[in-house]
Amino acid sequence: MKTTLYLADDLMRDAEEQAAKDGMSLTKLIECAVRGYLDELNRVSEPIEIQLLTKNCGFISDASLADRNALYALMEIQD
């Protein structure tokens, strides 16, 4: 698809220079940059498993940082 983009002059110069260094067209460089940006946005990060130590020195297993209220509830039960 043919598209017109309006980019800052310095960004355009830097992009043209980088494309030349990499031996690719400016179109290919911009396509790779946009694709990389979109892939990063859509990347699903792996969940992190943690154990929390409560005031009573008990460990909380299966704690999820994604749900703050559930995490607080787990910590209250353990105290």
PDB file of N, CA and C in Angstrom:
ATOM      1  N   MET A   1       0.847  -1.169   0.000  1.00  0.00           N
ATOM      2  CA  MET A   1       0.000   0.000   0.000  1.00  0.00           C
ATOM      3  C   MET A   1       0.891   1.231   0.000  1.00  0.00           C
ATOM      4  N   LYS A   2       0.531   2.179  -0.783  1.00  0.00           N
ATOM      5  CA  LYS A   2       1.282   3.424  -0.844  1.00  0.00           C
ATOM      6  C   LYS A   2       0.679   4.400   0.155  1.00  0.00           C
ATOM      7  N   THR A   3       1.528   4.998   1.002  1.00  0.00           N
ATOM      8  CA  THR A   3       1.076   5.877   2.070  1.00  0.00           C
ATOM      9  C   THR A   3       2.007   7.078   2.172  1.00  0.00           C
ATOM     10  N   THR A   4       1.453   8.213   2.528  1.00  0.00           N
ATOM     11  CA  THR A   4       2.257   9.403   2.770  1.00  0.00           C
ATOM     12  C   THR A   4       2.412   9.585   4.271  1.00  0.00           C
ATOM     13  N   LEU A   5       3.646   9.753   4.724  1.00  0.00           N
ATOM     14  CA  LEU A   5       3.929   9.998   6.139  1.00  0.00           C
ATOM     15  C   LEU A   5       4.608  11.353   6.275  1.00  0.00           C
ATOM     16  N   TYR A   6       4.289  12.059   7.312  1.00  0.00           N
ATOM     17  CA  TYR A   6       4.956  13.314   7.623  1.00  0.00           C
ATOM     18  C   TYR A   6       5.791  13.082   8.876  1.00  0.00           C
ATOM     19  N   LEU A   7       7.112  13.071   8.686  1.00  0.00           N
ATOM     20  CA  LEU A   7       8.040  12.811   9.783  1.00  0.00           C
ATOM     21  C   LEU A   7       8.937  14.021   9.992  1.00  0.00           C
ATOM     22  N   ALA A   8       9.411  14.181  11.207  1.00  0.00           N
ATOM     23  CA  ALA A   8      10.350  15.260  11.516  1.00  0.00           C
ATOM     24  C   ALA A   8      11.607  15.090  10.660  1.00  0.00           C
ATOM     25  N   ASP A   9      12.173  16.208  10.233  1.00  0.00           N
ATOM     26  CA  ASP A   9      13.339  16.164   9.349  1.00  0.00           C
ATOM     27  C   ASP A   9      14.484  15.354   9.939  1.00  0.00           C
ATOM     28  N   ASP A  10      14.778  15.573  11.230  1.00  0.00           N
ATOM     29  CA  ASP A  10      15.895  14.857  11.839  1.00  0.00           C
ATOM     30  C   ASP A  10      15.619  13.357  11.932  1.00  0.00           C
ATOM     31  N   LEU A  11      14.364  12.985  12.189  1.00  0.00           N
ATOM     32  CA  LEU A  11      14.006  11.574  12.237  1.00  0.00           C
ATOM     33  C   LEU A  11      14.162  10.943  10.859  1.00  0.00           C
ATOM     34  N   MET A  12      13.753  11.643   9.844  1.00  0.00           N
ATOM     35  CA  MET A  12      13.870  11.144   8.478  1.00  0.00           C
ATOM     36  C   MET A  12      15.334  10.955   8.086  1.00  0.00           C
ATOM     37  N   ARG A  13      16.168  11.926   8.424  1.00  0.00           N
ATOM     38  CA  ARG A  13      17.607  11.809   8.118  1.00  0.00           C
ATOM     39  C   ARG A  13      18.207  10.613   8.838  1.00  0.00           C
ATOM     40  N   ASP A  14      17.883  10.473  10.134  1.00  0.00           N
ATOM     41  CA  ASP A  14      18.411   9.338  10.907  1.00  0.00           C
ATOM     42  C   ASP A  14      17.930   8.011  10.339  1.00  0.00           C
ATOM     43  N   ALA A  15      16.670   7.951   9.936  1.00  0.00           N
ATOM     44  CA  ALA A  15      16.116   6.716   9.380  1.00  0.00           C
ATOM     45  C   ALA A  15      16.784   6.374   8.055  1.00  0.00           C
ATOM     46  N   GLU A  16      16.972   7.363   7.184  1.00  0.00           N
ATOM     47  CA  GLU A  16      17.641   7.121   5.906  1.00  0.00           C
ATOM     48  C   GLU A  16      19.078   6.652   6.119  1.00  0.00           C
ATOM     49  N   GLU A  17      19.764   7.273   7.071  1.00  0.00           N
ATOM     50  CA  GLU A  17      21.146   6.891   7.377  1.00  0.00           C
ATOM     51  C   GLU A  17      21.213   5.460   7.892  1.00  0.00           C
ATOM     52  N   GLN A  18      20.302   5.107   8.799  1.00  0.00           N
ATOM     53  CA  GLN A  18      20.300   3.754   9.365  1.00  0.00           C
ATOM     54  C   GLN A  18      19.950   2.719   8.297  1.00  0.00           C
ATOM     55  N   ALA A  19      18.997   3.036   7.442  1.00  0.00           N
ATOM     56  CA  ALA A  19      18.622   2.112   6.366  1.00  0.00           C
ATOM     57  C   ALA A  19      19.819   1.854   5.454  1.00  0.00           C
ATOM     58  N   ALA A  20      20.560   2.909   5.126  1.00  0.00           N
ATOM     59  CA  ALA A  20      21.740   2.753   4.278  1.00  0.00           C
ATOM     60  C   ALA A  20      22.792   1.894   4.966  1.00  0.00           C
ATOM     61  N   LYS A  21      23.022   2.125   6.273  1.00  0.00           N
ATOM     62  CA  LYS A  21      23.991   1.316   7.030  1.00  0.00           C
ATOM     63  C   LYS A  21      23.599  -0.155   7.045  1.00  0.00           C
ATOM     64  N   ASP A  22      22.292  -0.403   7.157  1.00  0.00           N
ATOM     65  CA  ASP A  22      21.792  -1.772   7.241  1.00  0.00           C
ATOM     66  C   ASP A  22      21.587  -2.409   5.869  1.00  0.00           C
ATOM     67  N   GLY A  23      21.785  -1.624   4.808  1.00  0.00           N
ATOM     68  CA  GLY A  23      21.627  -2.152   3.455  1.00  0.00           C
ATOM     69  C   GLY A  23      20.182  -2.482   3.109  1.00  0.00           C
ATOM     70  N   MET A  24      19.265  -1.680   3.603  1.00  0.00           N
ATOM     71  CA  MET A  24      17.854  -1.914   3.299  1.00  0.00           C
ATOM     72  C   MET A  24      17.215  -0.615   2.844  1.00  0.00           C
ATOM     73  N   SER A  25      16.054  -0.733   2.265  1.00  0.00           N
ATOM     74  CA  SER A  25      15.331   0.462   1.835  1.00  0.00           C
ATOM     75  C   SER A  25      14.725   1.160   3.054  1.00  0.00           C
ATOM     76  N   LEU A  26      14.428   2.424   2.878  1.00  0.00           N
ATOM     77  CA  LEU A  26      13.765   3.178   3.938  1.00  0.00           C
ATOM     78  C   LEU A  26      12.398   2.578   4.241  1.00  0.00           C
ATOM     79  N   THR A  27      11.704   2.141   3.202  1.00  0.00           N
ATOM     80  CA  THR A  27      10.399   1.497   3.383  1.00  0.00           C
ATOM     81  C   THR A  27      10.518   0.271   4.271  1.00  0.00           C
ATOM     82  N   LYS A  28      11.530  -0.557   4.014  1.00  0.00           N
ATOM     83  CA  LYS A  28      11.721  -1.781   4.803  1.00  0.00           C
ATOM     84  C   LYS A  28      12.054  -1.435   6.258  1.00  0.00           C
ATOM     85  N   LEU A  29      12.889  -0.423   6.474  1.00  0.00           N
ATOM     86  CA  LEU A  29      13.237  -0.020   7.835  1.00  0.00           C
ATOM     87  C   LEU A  29      11.993   0.437   8.597  1.00  0.00           C
ATOM     88  N   ILE A  30      11.162   1.265   7.965  1.00  0.00           N
ATOM     89  CA  ILE A  30       9.953   1.754   8.633  1.00  0.00           C
ATOM     90  C   ILE A  30       8.992   0.606   8.883  1.00  0.00           C
ATOM     91  N   GLU A  31       8.859  -0.294   7.915  1.00  0.00           N
ATOM     92  CA  GLU A  31       7.991  -1.457   8.090  1.00  0.00           C
ATOM     93  C   GLU A  31       8.450  -2.311   9.274  1.00  0.00           C
ATOM     94  N   CYS A  32       9.753  -2.554   9.369  1.00  0.00           N
ATOM     95  CA  CYS A  32      10.292  -3.347  10.486  1.00  0.00           C
ATOM     96  C   CYS A  32      10.076  -2.643  11.820  1.00  0.00           C
ATOM     97  N   ALA A  33      10.255  -1.332  11.838  1.00  0.00           N
ATOM     98  CA  ALA A  33      10.076  -0.572  13.078  1.00  0.00           C
ATOM     99  C   ALA A  33       8.627  -0.619  13.554  1.00  0.00           C
ATOM    100  N   VAL A  34       7.688  -0.425  12.639  1.00  0.00           N
ATOM    101  CA  VAL A  34       6.276  -0.445  13.013  1.00  0.00           C
ATOM    102  C   VAL A  34       5.868  -1.845  13.440  1.00  0.00           C
ATOM    103  N   ARG A  35       6.320  -2.863  12.692  1.00  0.00           N
ATOM    104  CA  ARG A  35       5.985  -4.244  13.044  1.00  0.00           C
ATOM    105  C   ARG A  35       6.542  -4.610  14.427  1.00  0.00           C
ATOM    106  N   GLY A  36       7.772  -4.200  14.707  1.00  0.00           N
ATOM    107  CA  GLY A  36       8.371  -4.463  16.010  1.00  0.00           C
ATOM    108  C   GLY A  36       7.607  -3.795  17.136  1.00  0.00           C
ATOM    109  N   TYR A  37       7.176  -2.573  16.902  1.00  0.00           N
ATOM    110  CA  TYR A  37       6.395  -1.834  17.899  1.00  0.00           C
ATOM    111  C   TYR A  37       5.070  -2.544  18.175  1.00  0.00           C
ATOM    112  N   LEU A  38       4.376  -2.941  17.122  1.00  0.00           N
ATOM    113  CA  LEU A  38       3.087  -3.617  17.287  1.00  0.00           C
ATOM    114  C   LEU A  38       3.257  -4.991  17.933  1.00  0.00           C
ATOM    115  N   ASP A  39       4.301  -5.709  17.553  1.00  0.00           N
ATOM    116  CA  ASP A  39       4.558  -7.016  18.175  1.00  0.00           C
ATOM    117  C   ASP A  39       4.809  -6.866  19.671  1.00  0.00           C
ATOM    118  N   GLU A  40       5.539  -5.835  20.052  1.00  0.00           N
ATOM    119  CA  GLU A  40       5.828  -5.594  21.472  1.00  0.00           C
ATOM    120  C   GLU A  40       4.548  -5.278  22.242  1.00  0.00           C
ATOM    121  N   LEU A  41       3.659  -4.512  21.639  1.00  0.00           N
ATOM    122  CA  LEU A  41       2.391  -4.188  22.294  1.00  0.00           C
ATOM    123  C   LEU A  41       1.525  -5.431  22.500  1.00  0.00           C
ATOM    124  N   ASN A  42       1.584  -6.350  21.563  1.00  0.00           N
ATOM    125  CA  ASN A  42       0.733  -7.533  21.604  1.00  0.00           C
ATOM    126  C   ASN A  42       1.377  -8.726  22.292  1.00  0.00           C
ATOM    127  N   ARG A  43       2.622  -8.557  22.734  1.00  0.00           N
ATOM    128  CA  ARG A  43       3.326  -9.663  23.372  1.00  0.00           C
ATOM    129  C   ARG A  43       2.712  -9.934  24.745  1.00  0.00           C
ATOM    130  N   VAL A  44       2.439 -11.182  25.002  1.00  0.00           N
ATOM    131  CA  VAL A  44       1.894 -11.590  26.297  1.00  0.00           C
ATOM    132  C   VAL A  44       3.075 -11.976  27.175  1.00  0.00           C
ATOM    133  N   SER A  45       3.206 -11.277  28.269  1.00  0.00           N
ATOM    134  CA  SER A  45       4.322 -11.589  29.156  1.00  0.00           C
ATOM    135  C   SER A  45       3.966 -12.797  30.021  1.00  0.00           C
ATOM    136  N   GLU A  46       4.969 -13.548  30.343  1.00  0.00           N
ATOM    137  CA  GLU A  46       4.790 -14.717  31.190  1.00  0.00           C
ATOM    138  C   GLU A  46       4.500 -14.260  32.620  1.00  0.00           C
ATOM    139  N   PRO A  47       3.584 -14.929  33.304  1.00  0.00           N
ATOM    140  CA  PRO A  47       3.312 -14.558  34.695  1.00  0.00           C
ATOM    141  C   PRO A  47       4.535 -14.822  35.573  1.00  0.00           C
ATOM    142  N   ILE A  48       4.688 -14.000  36.564  1.00  0.00           N
ATOM    143  CA  ILE A  48       5.792 -14.145  37.511  1.00  0.00           C
ATOM    144  C   ILE A  48       5.252 -14.800  38.768  1.00  0.00           C
ATOM    145  N   GLU A  49       5.882 -15.867  39.179  1.00  0.00           N
ATOM    146  CA  GLU A  49       5.456 -16.544  40.400  1.00  0.00           C
ATOM    147  C   GLU A  49       6.257 -16.002  41.574  1.00  0.00           C
ATOM    148  N   ILE A  50       5.552 -15.575  42.609  1.00  0.00           N
ATOM    149  CA  ILE A  50       6.219 -15.011  43.776  1.00  0.00           C
ATOM    150  C   ILE A  50       5.661 -15.658  45.036  1.00  0.00           C
ATOM    151  N   GLN A  51       6.420 -15.544  46.097  1.00  0.00           N
ATOM    152  CA  GLN A  51       5.939 -15.919  47.422  1.00  0.00           C
ATOM    153  C   GLN A  51       6.115 -14.694  48.307  1.00  0.00           C
ATOM    154  N   LEU A  52       5.068 -14.345  49.016  1.00  0.00           N
ATOM    155  CA  LEU A  52       5.111 -13.183  49.888  1.00  0.00           C
ATOM    156  C   LEU A  52       5.230 -13.625  51.338  1.00  0.00           C
ATOM    157  N   LEU A  53       6.036 -12.930  52.087  1.00  0.00           N
ATOM    158  CA  LEU A  53       6.217 -13.207  53.504  1.00  0.00           C
ATOM    159  C   LEU A  53       5.330 -12.251  54.292  1.00  0.00           C
ATOM    160  N   THR A  54       4.466 -12.795  55.135  1.00  0.00           N
ATOM    161  CA  THR A  54       3.571 -11.951  55.928  1.00  0.00           C
ATOM    162  C   THR A  54       4.216 -11.623  57.274  1.00  0.00           C
ATOM    163  N   LYS A  55       3.523 -10.798  58.054  1.00  0.00           N
ATOM    164  CA  LYS A  55       4.040 -10.421  59.370  1.00  0.00           C
ATOM    165  C   LYS A  55       4.251 -11.637  60.266  1.00  0.00           C
ATOM    166  N   ASN A  56       3.419 -12.655  60.096  1.00  0.00           N
ATOM    167  CA  ASN A  56       3.544 -13.859  60.915  1.00  0.00           C
ATOM    168  C   ASN A  56       4.549 -14.844  60.338  1.00  0.00           C
ATOM    169  N   CYS A  57       5.329 -14.390  59.361  1.00  0.00           N
ATOM    170  CA  CYS A  57       6.364 -15.201  58.727  1.00  0.00           C
ATOM    171  C   CYS A  57       5.810 -16.397  57.971  1.00  0.00           C
ATOM    172  N   GLY A  58       4.584 -16.301  57.560  1.00  0.00           N
ATOM    173  CA  GLY A  58       4.015 -17.353  56.730  1.00  0.00           C
ATOM    174  C   GLY A  58       4.103 -16.957  55.269  1.00  0.00           C
ATOM    175  N   PHE A  59       4.258 -17.958  54.409  1.00  0.00           N
ATOM    176  CA  PHE A  59       4.343 -17.671  52.978  1.00  0.00           C
ATOM    177  C   PHE A  59       2.973 -17.759  52.338  1.00  0.00           C
ATOM    178  N   ILE A  60       2.706 -16.883  51.413  1.00  0.00           N
ATOM    179  CA  ILE A  60       1.483 -16.923  50.636  1.00  0.00           C
ATOM    180  C   ILE A  60       1.838 -17.514  49.280  1.00  0.00           C
ATOM    181  N   SER A  61       1.219 -18.608  48.925  1.00  0.00           N
ATOM    182  CA  SER A  61       1.451 -19.176  47.602  1.00  0.00           C
ATOM    183  C   SER A  61       0.290 -18.815  46.688  1.00  0.00           C
ATOM    184  N   ASP A  62       0.478 -18.943  45.423  1.00  0.00           N
ATOM    185  CA  ASP A  62      -0.541 -18.643  44.419  1.00  0.00           C
ATOM    186  C   ASP A  62      -1.016 -17.193  44.481  1.00  0.00           C
ATOM    187  N   ALA A  63      -0.137 -16.289  44.859  1.00  0.00           N
ATOM    188  CA  ALA A  63      -0.493 -14.872  44.886  1.00  0.00           C
ATOM    189  C   ALA A  63      -0.330 -14.304  43.482  1.00  0.00           C
ATOM    190  N   SER A  64      -1.279 -13.491  43.064  1.00  0.00           N
ATOM    191  CA  SER A  64      -1.228 -12.860  41.747  1.00  0.00           C
ATOM    192  C   SER A  64      -1.138 -11.362  41.915  1.00  0.00           C
ATOM    193  N   LEU A  65      -0.150 -10.754  41.280  1.00  0.00           N
ATOM    194  CA  LEU A  65      -0.011  -9.301  41.345  1.00  0.00           C
ATOM    195  C   LEU A  65      -1.022  -8.604  40.439  1.00  0.00           C
ATOM    196  N   ALA A  66      -1.705  -9.359  39.599  1.00  0.00           N
ATOM    197  CA  ALA A  66      -2.667  -8.778  38.673  1.00  0.00           C
ATOM    198  C   ALA A  66      -3.937  -8.309  39.377  1.00  0.00           C
ATOM    199  N   ASP A  67      -4.229  -8.862  40.533  1.00  0.00           N
ATOM    200  CA  ASP A  67      -5.462  -8.504  41.247  1.00  0.00           C
ATOM    201  C   ASP A  67      -5.090  -7.983  42.630  1.00  0.00           C
ATOM    202  N   ARG A  68      -4.997  -6.677  42.740  1.00  0.00           N
ATOM    203  CA  ARG A  68      -4.543  -6.052  43.985  1.00  0.00           C
ATOM    204  C   ARG A  68      -5.463  -6.383  45.159  1.00  0.00           C
ATOM    205  N   ASN A  69      -6.761  -6.349  44.954  1.00  0.00           N
ATOM    206  CA  ASN A  69      -7.700  -6.613  46.052  1.00  0.00           C
ATOM    207  C   ASN A  69      -7.575  -8.048  46.555  1.00  0.00           C
ATOM    208  N   ALA A  70      -7.416  -9.009  45.639  1.00  0.00           N
ATOM    209  CA  ALA A  70      -7.242 -10.404  46.045  1.00  0.00           C
ATOM    210  C   ALA A  70      -5.928 -10.579  46.806  1.00  0.00           C
ATOM    211  N   LEU A  71      -4.890  -9.863  46.373  1.00  0.00           N
ATOM    212  CA  LEU A  71      -3.599  -9.934  47.054  1.00  0.00           C
ATOM    213  C   LEU A  71      -3.712  -9.394  48.474  1.00  0.00           C
ATOM    214  N   TYR A  72      -4.372  -8.256  48.628  1.00  0.00           N
ATOM    215  CA  TYR A  72      -4.570  -7.702  49.969  1.00  0.00           C
ATOM    216  C   TYR A  72      -5.378  -8.647  50.841  1.00  0.00           C
ATOM    217  N   ALA A  73      -6.399  -9.260  50.268  1.00  0.00           N
ATOM    218  CA  ALA A  73      -7.220 -10.193  51.027  1.00  0.00           C
ATOM    219  C   ALA A  73      -6.384 -11.388  51.490  1.00  0.00           C
ATOM    220  N   LEU A  74      -5.521 -11.884  50.641  1.00  0.00           N
ATOM    221  CA  LEU A  74      -4.655 -13.010  51.028  1.00  0.00           C
ATOM    222  C   LEU A  74      -3.727 -12.591  52.174  1.00  0.00           C
ATOM    223  N   MET A  75      -3.184 -11.378  52.095  1.00  0.00           N
ATOM    224  CA  MET A  75      -2.268 -10.928  53.140  1.00  0.00           C
ATOM    225  C   MET A  75      -2.999 -10.726  54.453  1.00  0.00           C
ATOM    226  N   GLU A  76      -4.226 -10.253  54.430  1.00  0.00           N
ATOM    227  CA  GLU A  76      -4.999 -10.057  55.646  1.00  0.00           C
ATOM    228  C   GLU A  76      -5.293 -11.402  56.320  1.00  0.00           C
ATOM    229  N   ILE A  77      -5.619 -12.414  55.542  1.00  0.00           N
ATOM    230  CA  ILE A  77      -5.919 -13.737  56.094  1.00  0.00           C
ATOM    231  C   ILE A  77      -4.697 -14.298  56.797  1.00  0.00           C
ATOM    232  N   GLN A  78      -3.502 -14.058  56.252  1.00  0.00           N
ATOM    233  CA  GLN A  78      -2.281 -14.627  56.792  1.00  0.00           C
ATOM    234  C   GLN A  78      -1.790 -13.915  58.053  1.00  0.00           C
ATOM    235  N   ASP A  79      -2.175 -12.673  58.238  1.00  0.00           N
ATOM    236  CA  ASP A  79      -1.674 -11.890  59.393  1.00  0.00           C
ATOM    237  C   ASP A  79      -2.316 -12.317  60.702  1.00  0.00           C
TER     238      ASP A  79
END
